[in-house]
Amino acid sequence: MKKILIITSNIYADSDANGICTRNLVRELISRGYRVFCVSEPAHEQDAYTAPAGLTIIDVARPWYQTFRDKKDHGPLFKAVSLLRYGWTLFLYPDVYPRRTRRIAEACEKLIEREGIDLVLGLYRPYEALAALLRLKEKYGKKVRCVSYHLDLLLSPNNGRLISGYKVAVGKRAFRRELETLDRVLLPETDGPKIEDGKVRYVGFPLYEKKEIVPCELSFRNDVINVAYIGSLDGENRDPSFFLQTLRGIEALQGRVRVHFWGGITDSVQETLVRYPDLAEYHGVVANGYVPYIYTKSDFLLNVSNRNTPDMIPSKIYQMFASGRPVINCVSDPGDRARKIIDRYPLSFTLYEYRDNDAAALRAFLTTPHEPLALDEGAFSANTPKYVADRVVEP
């Protein structure tokens, strides 16, 4: 039987986009007859993922600091520890958790020896997955084929200019080591400059597919236009204020639109939503299994692109496209890479935070009935589980 080992972030969590991508890849690989092993963070209390037949999950504990950081009490002790740790880990970047890297590598070595595994896939983030993958390749050489898959951008850190410049320089050295050491490097599809290297393949997120529709309770009113946003909002990199302000400024839409938010939000975003009681409703975090149902029941879907990391493509846009529903895209940076991808989707409308918008055109888009689009794998083929799995297993 063919076997593959995958090193990922948290395969159990519905809130972890990389974990969701891993699940889709696992399902595709199992359908091809692979026996899949996965090294992951342990499940959190709220996680309910059950491993399918053909998948074995090996848990490696999270770094102590992540658990410490997730505690609610962010008092003086937390701030002092965080500051000290931040200064220290700058010298370790990008492998800021070397002890966990070692534990992951050791767990993988045991699996490789016991199961005779000859193909390993490491998903970034976290960087520990790539660091452990490099150790495995250096130890086993040609006996084990090692493939990295970047689901996040190593060379676009979200920090101030000085720190970002340092991280980019160090990240470039780390990436060169990947190219020199590994057998294959999978990078996110881009409309920008591409790396000319025989080891590099450009792929998307394995999320463009029809999913089983699992109903959940919704508070949608039938007498308004229901817009859905699912994802995290921090008020800095992703902020819904511009969209809500724009809607409130269109007199003809007053009382006719409700914007529904699901996902993790910060206190500042919560305060923003409270200022728009006539427009916004927050519903908390939703399990990923319910996302297709919410999308298909919504009149419109909302994407808020990244202000501080415009090179990053939000993975959820492919789930939006798969639903066939119309998408409103809010862009805050002229260099936003997601815009050109969303523009390829026929039922899309873009709002620009940095220039004047046509309010009449937005009103027309929101008040025009739109027939759902059928799934077209040819349009976003690089974002299907089949396409990505082909690039992982190809010799």
Protein backbone atom coordinates (compact mmCIF):
# COMPACT_ATOMS: atom_id res chain seq x y z
CA MET A 1 0.00 0.00 0.00
CA LYS A 2 1.19 3.52 -0.82
CA LYS A 3 1.89 5.63 2.26
CA ILE A 4 2.35 9.34 2.90
CA LEU A 5 3.16 11.37 6.01
CA ILE A 6 1.75 14.90 6.34
CA ILE A 7 3.02 17.48 8.87
CA THR A 8 0.40 20.16 9.46
CA SER A 9 -0.86 22.69 12.01
CA ASN A 10 -4.12 21.43 13.53
CA ILE A 11 -6.10 18.94 11.47
CA TYR A 12 -8.83 18.83 14.11
CA ALA A 13 -9.79 22.52 14.18
CA ASP A 14 -12.60 24.01 12.09
CA SER A 15 -11.07 27.44 12.67
CA ASP A 16 -7.69 26.48 11.15
CA ALA A 17 -7.67 27.05 7.37
CA ASN A 18 -4.52 24.95 6.96
CA GLY A 19 -6.16 22.13 8.89
CA ILE A 20 -9.20 22.25 6.61
CA CYS A 21 -6.96 22.15 3.53
CA THR A 22 -5.17 19.16 5.09
CA ARG A 23 -8.46 17.32 5.59
CA ASN A 24 -9.41 17.81 1.95
CA LEU A 25 -6.01 16.53 0.80
CA VAL A 26 -6.25 13.54 3.16
CA ARG A 27 -9.66 12.62 1.77
CA GLU A 28 -8.37 12.84 -1.82
CA LEU A 29 -5.24 10.76 -1.06
CA ILE A 30 -7.25 8.06 0.75
CA SER A 31 -9.56 7.83 -2.29
CA ARG A 32 -6.44 7.01 -4.34
CA GLY A 33 -5.48 4.15 -2.07
CA TYR A 34 -2.96 5.93 0.16
CA ARG A 35 -2.48 5.13 3.81
CA VAL A 36 -2.09 8.58 5.38
CA PHE A 37 -0.26 9.50 8.57
CA CYS A 38 -0.53 13.02 9.95
CA VAL A 39 1.47 14.88 12.61
CA SER A 40 -0.69 17.61 14.15
CA GLU A 41 -1.30 19.71 17.22
CA PRO A 42 -3.61 17.94 19.69
CA ALA A 43 -7.33 18.60 19.44
CA HIS A 44 -8.74 21.47 21.43
CA GLU A 45 -11.75 21.02 23.68
CA GLN A 46 -14.17 22.34 21.05
CA ASP A 47 -12.79 20.30 18.14
CA ALA A 48 -14.92 17.42 16.90
CA TYR A 49 -13.03 16.00 13.90
CA THR A 50 -12.99 12.21 13.64
CA ALA A 51 -10.22 10.61 11.59
CA PRO A 52 -11.59 8.61 8.63
CA ALA A 53 -10.50 5.07 7.88
CA GLY A 54 -7.05 5.21 6.30
CA LEU A 55 -5.80 8.12 8.43
CA THR A 56 -3.65 7.90 11.56
CA ILE A 57 -3.02 11.12 13.51
CA ILE A 58 -0.01 11.58 15.78
CA ASP A 59 -0.27 14.51 18.18
CA VAL A 60 2.72 16.67 19.05
CA ALA A 61 2.01 19.19 21.82
CA ARG A 62 1.80 22.90 21.04
CA PRO A 63 4.64 25.17 22.18
CA TRP A 64 4.16 26.36 25.76
CA TYR A 65 4.00 29.99 24.67
CA GLN A 66 0.99 29.43 22.41
CA THR A 67 -0.95 27.92 25.29
CA PHE A 68 0.21 30.77 27.56
CA ARG A 69 -0.80 33.34 24.93
CA ASP A 70 -4.31 31.88 24.56
CA LYS A 71 -5.13 32.50 28.21
CA LYS A 72 -7.53 35.37 28.81
CA ASP A 73 -5.40 37.14 31.42
CA HIS A 74 -3.02 39.38 29.45
CA GLY A 75 -1.71 41.31 32.46
CA PRO A 76 1.79 42.62 33.27
CA LEU A 77 3.30 39.11 33.51
CA PHE A 78 2.04 38.21 30.04
CA LYS A 79 3.38 41.45 28.56
CA ALA A 80 6.79 40.99 30.18
CA VAL A 81 7.13 37.37 29.06
CA SER A 82 5.95 38.24 25.53
CA LEU A 83 8.44 41.08 25.20
CA LEU A 84 11.37 38.94 26.38
CA ARG A 85 10.34 36.06 24.14
CA TYR A 86 9.86 38.35 21.12
CA GLY A 87 13.41 39.67 21.41
CA TRP A 88 14.85 36.18 21.78
CA THR A 89 12.91 34.59 18.91
CA LEU A 90 14.02 37.26 16.44
CA PHE A 91 17.38 35.47 16.49
CA LEU A 92 15.68 32.11 15.90
CA TYR A 93 13.36 33.25 13.10
CA PRO A 94 11.76 31.58 11.21
CA ASP A 95 12.11 28.43 13.34
CA VAL A 96 10.96 30.12 16.54
CA TYR A 97 9.96 26.86 18.27
CA PRO A 98 13.07 24.67 17.79
CA ARG A 99 12.15 22.26 20.60
CA ARG A 100 8.83 21.48 18.92
CA THR A 101 10.65 21.11 15.58
CA ARG A 102 12.84 18.45 17.18
CA ARG A 103 9.84 16.63 18.66
CA ILE A 104 8.05 16.65 15.29
CA ALA A 105 11.14 15.33 13.51
CA GLU A 106 11.58 12.57 16.09
CA ALA A 107 7.92 11.51 15.77
CA CYS A 108 8.27 11.46 11.98
CA GLU A 109 11.47 9.40 12.12
CA LYS A 110 9.72 6.74 14.21
CA LEU A 111 6.88 6.57 11.70
CA ILE A 112 9.19 6.42 8.70
CA GLU A 113 11.22 3.59 10.23
CA ARG A 114 8.19 1.63 11.42
CA GLU A 115 5.88 2.10 8.43
CA GLY A 116 8.41 2.33 5.59
CA ILE A 117 7.10 5.73 4.49
CA ASP A 118 8.93 7.25 1.52
CA LEU A 119 6.88 10.44 0.91
CA VAL A 120 6.53 13.32 3.39
CA LEU A 121 4.55 16.55 2.90
CA GLY A 122 5.15 19.56 5.19
CA LEU A 123 2.59 22.39 5.24
CA TYR A 124 3.52 25.97 6.14
CA ARG A 125 2.32 27.26 8.58
CA PRO A 126 3.68 26.41 11.09
CA TYR A 127 7.34 26.77 10.18
CA GLU A 128 8.14 23.81 12.46
CA ALA A 129 6.63 21.63 9.74
CA LEU A 130 9.17 22.88 7.19
CA ALA A 131 12.08 22.83 9.64
CA ALA A 132 11.30 19.22 10.56
CA LEU A 133 10.89 18.35 6.87
CA LEU A 134 14.38 19.72 6.13
CA ARG A 135 15.83 17.61 8.95
CA LEU A 136 14.16 14.50 7.55
CA LYS A 137 15.49 15.14 4.04
CA GLU A 138 19.01 15.71 5.35
CA LYS A 139 18.84 12.47 7.33
CA TYR A 140 17.23 10.14 4.77
CA GLY A 141 18.40 11.64 1.47
CA LYS A 142 16.97 9.90 -1.60
CA LYS A 143 15.22 7.25 0.51
CA VAL A 144 12.45 9.70 1.42
CA ARG A 145 10.90 12.20 -0.99
CA CYS A 146 10.15 15.48 0.81
CA VAL A 147 7.66 18.10 -0.47
CA SER A 148 6.83 21.47 1.10
CA TYR A 149 3.47 23.18 0.57
CA HIS A 150 3.14 26.89 1.40
CA LEU A 151 -0.40 27.75 2.49
CA ASP A 152 0.86 31.03 3.92
CA LEU A 153 3.46 33.58 2.83
CA LEU A 154 6.88 33.20 4.41
CA LEU A 155 8.16 36.38 2.77
CA SER A 156 5.30 38.73 3.74
CA PRO A 157 5.45 39.13 7.53
CA ASN A 158 2.88 41.39 9.17
CA ASN A 159 5.22 43.62 11.23
CA GLY A 160 6.64 47.14 11.19
CA ARG A 161 8.99 48.10 8.35
CA LEU A 162 12.26 47.42 10.20
CA ILE A 163 11.25 44.05 11.64
CA SER A 164 9.55 43.02 8.40
CA GLY A 165 12.71 43.84 6.44
CA TYR A 166 14.77 41.66 8.77
CA LYS A 167 12.26 38.80 8.58
CA VAL A 168 12.12 38.98 4.79
CA ALA A 169 15.92 38.75 4.55
CA VAL A 170 16.07 35.78 6.93
CA GLY A 171 13.04 34.21 5.25
CA LYS A 172 14.75 34.40 1.86
CA ARG A 173 17.71 32.44 3.23
CA ALA A 174 15.35 29.86 4.69
CA PHE A 175 13.51 29.58 1.38
CA ARG A 176 16.76 29.12 -0.55
CA ARG A 177 17.57 26.23 1.78
CA GLU A 178 14.20 24.70 0.89
CA LEU A 179 14.96 24.91 -2.82
CA GLU A 180 18.43 23.46 -2.34
CA THR A 181 17.36 20.62 -0.05
CA LEU A 182 13.82 19.42 -0.81
CA ASP A 183 12.50 17.49 -3.79
CA ARG A 184 9.49 19.70 -4.52
CA VAL A 185 8.22 23.10 -3.34
CA LEU A 186 4.54 23.96 -3.81
CA LEU A 187 3.78 27.70 -3.72
CA PRO A 188 0.47 29.61 -3.78
CA GLU A 189 -0.70 30.59 -7.25
CA THR A 190 0.08 34.21 -8.04
CA ASP A 191 -0.32 36.76 -10.81
CA GLY A 192 3.04 38.26 -9.81
CA PRO A 193 6.60 37.23 -10.70
CA LYS A 194 7.15 33.47 -10.60
CA ILE A 195 10.24 31.62 -9.44
CA GLU A 196 11.93 29.81 -12.31
CA ASP A 197 13.07 26.59 -10.69
CA GLY A 198 12.39 23.01 -11.74
CA LYS A 199 11.41 22.08 -8.18
CA VAL A 200 8.66 24.71 -7.88
CA ARG A 201 5.01 24.14 -8.72
CA TYR A 202 2.27 26.75 -8.29
CA VAL A 203 -0.98 25.48 -6.81
CA GLY A 204 -3.98 26.91 -4.99
CA PHE A 205 -5.87 25.96 -1.86
CA PRO A 206 -7.68 22.60 -2.17
CA LEU A 207 -11.07 24.12 -1.34
CA TYR A 208 -12.88 24.52 -4.68
CA GLU A 209 -15.32 21.62 -4.61
CA LYS A 210 -18.94 20.85 -3.92
CA LYS A 211 -19.35 19.97 -0.26
CA GLU A 212 -22.08 18.13 1.58
CA ILE A 213 -24.73 20.61 2.75
CA VAL A 214 -25.23 20.31 6.51
CA PRO A 215 -28.10 22.53 7.74
CA CYS A 216 -27.75 24.79 10.77
CA GLU A 217 -30.00 27.34 12.43
CA LEU A 218 -30.00 30.74 10.73
CA SER A 219 -31.63 34.01 11.73
CA PHE A 220 -32.03 35.32 8.19
CA ARG A 221 -35.04 37.52 7.56
CA ASN A 222 -36.98 37.07 4.34
CA ASP A 223 -37.72 40.78 3.94
CA VAL A 224 -34.06 41.93 3.68
CA ILE A 225 -30.94 41.22 1.64
CA ASN A 226 -28.75 38.87 3.70
CA VAL A 227 -24.96 39.27 3.30
CA ALA A 228 -22.65 36.71 4.98
CA TYR A 229 -19.04 37.08 6.11
CA ILE A 230 -17.21 34.06 7.57
CA GLY A 231 -13.66 34.48 8.82
CA SER A 232 -11.49 36.30 11.31
CA LEU A 233 -11.51 40.09 11.73
CA ASP A 234 -8.92 41.97 13.77
CA GLY A 235 -9.75 45.57 12.89
CA GLU A 236 -6.25 46.17 11.51
CA ASN A 237 -5.44 43.68 8.76
CA ARG A 238 -9.12 42.92 8.14
CA ASP A 239 -11.68 45.54 9.08
CA PRO A 240 -15.38 45.59 8.05
CA SER A 241 -15.86 49.30 8.88
CA PHE A 242 -15.48 50.53 5.29
CA PHE A 243 -18.17 48.20 3.95
CA LEU A 244 -20.60 49.07 6.73
CA GLN A 245 -19.97 52.80 6.27
CA THR A 246 -20.56 52.47 2.53
CA LEU A 247 -23.86 50.66 3.03
CA ARG A 248 -25.09 53.19 5.57
CA GLY A 249 -24.34 55.97 3.10
CA ILE A 250 -26.66 54.52 0.42
CA GLU A 251 -30.10 55.90 1.32
CA ALA A 252 -31.97 53.54 -1.00
CA LEU A 253 -30.64 50.53 0.95
CA GLN A 254 -31.61 51.74 4.43
CA GLY A 255 -33.38 48.94 6.29
CA ARG A 256 -33.01 46.57 3.34
CA VAL A 257 -29.63 44.90 4.11
CA ARG A 258 -28.37 42.77 7.04
CA VAL A 259 -24.70 41.79 7.21
CA HIS A 260 -24.11 38.59 9.19
CA PHE A 261 -20.67 37.87 10.67
CA TRP A 262 -19.23 34.54 11.82
CA GLY A 263 -15.68 33.93 13.04
CA GLY A 264 -13.13 35.12 15.58
CA ILE A 265 -13.18 38.88 16.11
CA THR A 266 -11.31 41.28 18.37
CA ASP A 267 -12.87 43.62 20.90
CA SER A 268 -12.34 46.55 18.53
CA VAL A 269 -14.33 44.82 15.77
CA GLN A 270 -17.05 43.95 18.27
CA GLU A 271 -17.29 47.66 19.13
CA THR A 272 -17.51 48.49 15.41
CA LEU A 273 -20.40 46.07 14.86
CA VAL A 274 -22.25 47.49 17.87
CA ARG A 275 -22.16 50.91 16.17
CA TYR A 276 -24.18 49.47 13.26
CA PRO A 277 -27.17 47.77 14.93
CA ASP A 278 -29.28 48.51 11.87
CA LEU A 279 -26.86 46.62 9.61
CA ALA A 280 -24.66 44.11 11.44
CA GLU A 281 -25.25 40.88 13.38
CA TYR A 282 -22.51 38.79 14.96
CA HIS A 283 -23.18 35.07 15.41
CA GLY A 284 -19.93 33.82 16.96
CA VAL A 285 -17.69 31.08 15.54
CA VAL A 286 -19.22 28.47 13.23
CA ALA A 287 -18.04 24.94 12.47
CA ASN A 288 -16.60 24.61 8.96
CA GLY A 289 -19.10 21.87 8.12
CA TYR A 290 -21.91 24.45 8.21
CA VAL A 291 -20.15 26.98 5.96
CA PRO A 292 -21.53 25.63 2.63
CA TYR A 293 -25.08 25.80 4.01
CA ILE A 294 -24.67 29.41 5.20
CA TYR A 295 -23.17 30.40 1.86
CA THR A 296 -25.92 28.80 -0.22
CA LYS A 297 -28.65 30.38 1.93
CA SER A 298 -27.13 33.88 1.74
CA ASP A 299 -28.06 36.39 -0.93
CA PHE A 300 -24.50 37.75 -1.09
CA LEU A 301 -21.10 36.86 0.35
CA LEU A 302 -18.54 39.35 1.64
CA ASN A 303 -14.76 39.18 1.43
CA VAL A 304 -12.59 41.67 3.33
CA SER A 305 -9.10 41.56 1.86
CA ASN A 306 -5.89 42.05 3.82
CA ARG A 307 -4.68 45.59 4.45
CA ASN A 308 -1.24 44.76 5.91
CA THR A 309 -0.53 41.58 3.95
CA PRO A 310 -1.95 42.29 0.47
CA ASP A 311 0.10 39.48 -1.09
CA MET A 312 -1.90 36.92 0.90
CA ILE A 313 -4.80 35.18 -0.85
CA PRO A 314 -7.68 34.43 1.58
CA SER A 315 -8.30 30.69 1.25
CA LYS A 316 -12.03 31.05 1.91
CA ILE A 317 -12.69 32.78 -1.42
CA TYR A 318 -12.61 29.40 -3.16
CA GLN A 319 -15.32 28.08 -0.84
CA MET A 320 -17.29 31.20 -1.79
CA PHE A 321 -16.83 30.52 -5.50
CA ALA A 322 -17.88 26.89 -5.05
CA SER A 323 -21.19 28.06 -3.56
CA GLY A 324 -22.08 29.92 -6.75
CA ARG A 325 -23.33 32.95 -4.79
CA PRO A 326 -22.46 36.59 -5.70
CA VAL A 327 -19.41 38.00 -3.89
CA ILE A 328 -18.67 41.55 -2.74
CA ASN A 329 -14.93 42.16 -2.33
CA CYS A 330 -13.59 45.03 -0.20
CA VAL A 331 -10.04 46.01 -1.15
CA SER A 332 -7.89 48.32 0.98
CA ASP A 333 -4.51 48.10 -0.83
CA PRO A 334 -3.82 48.81 -4.52
CA GLY A 335 -1.43 45.84 -4.60
CA ASP A 336 -4.00 43.36 -3.32
CA ARG A 337 -3.32 39.99 -5.00
CA ALA A 338 -6.75 38.52 -4.27
CA ARG A 339 -8.52 41.14 -6.36
CA LYS A 340 -7.48 39.77 -9.74
CA ILE A 341 -8.53 36.26 -8.71
CA ILE A 342 -11.93 37.45 -7.47
CA ASP A 343 -12.38 39.52 -10.65
CA ARG A 344 -12.25 36.23 -12.58
CA TYR A 345 -15.40 35.11 -10.76
CA PRO A 346 -18.38 36.28 -12.88
CA LEU A 347 -20.63 37.21 -9.94
CA SER A 348 -18.31 39.61 -8.16
CA PHE A 349 -18.29 43.30 -7.30
CA THR A 350 -15.26 45.16 -5.91
CA LEU A 351 -15.28 48.11 -3.49
CA TYR A 352 -12.06 50.12 -3.24
CA GLU A 353 -11.25 51.73 0.11
CA TYR A 354 -8.58 53.95 -1.47
CA ARG A 355 -10.64 55.57 -4.23
CA ASP A 356 -14.16 56.78 -4.99
CA ASN A 357 -16.75 54.07 -5.60
CA ASP A 358 -19.93 54.02 -7.63
CA ALA A 359 -22.65 53.77 -4.98
CA ALA A 360 -25.30 53.36 -7.66
CA ALA A 361 -23.44 50.36 -9.10
CA LEU A 362 -23.22 48.71 -5.65
CA ARG A 363 -26.92 49.38 -5.06
CA ALA A 364 -27.74 47.82 -8.43
CA PHE A 365 -25.57 44.77 -7.69
CA LEU A 366 -27.26 44.24 -4.33
CA THR A 367 -30.80 44.69 -5.62
CA THR A 368 -30.47 42.60 -8.78
CA PRO A 369 -31.47 38.91 -8.51
CA HIS A 370 -28.52 36.62 -9.37
CA GLU A 371 -28.90 33.00 -10.41
CA PRO A 372 -26.33 30.78 -8.61
CA LEU A 373 -23.38 29.74 -10.76
CA ALA A 374 -22.66 26.06 -11.38
CA LEU A 375 -19.33 24.70 -10.16
CA ASP A 376 -16.77 25.07 -12.95
CA GLU A 377 -13.59 23.14 -12.10
CA GLY A 378 -11.95 24.49 -15.24
CA ALA A 379 -12.16 28.04 -13.93
CA PHE A 380 -10.29 27.36 -10.67
CA SER A 381 -8.77 23.94 -11.36
CA ALA A 382 -5.57 24.66 -9.40
CA ASN A 383 -7.71 24.91 -6.25
CA THR A 384 -9.27 21.46 -6.36
CA PRO A 385 -8.04 18.69 -4.02
CA LYS A 386 -7.35 16.54 -7.09
CA TYR A 387 -5.00 19.11 -8.66
CA VAL A 388 -3.03 19.72 -5.47
CA ALA A 389 -2.76 15.98 -4.69
CA ASP A 390 -1.44 15.38 -8.23
CA ARG A 391 1.39 17.84 -7.57
CA VAL A 392 2.18 16.30 -4.19
CA VAL A 393 2.57 12.73 -5.43
CA GLU A 394 4.08 13.37 -8.87
CA PRO A 395 7.66 12.04 -9.16
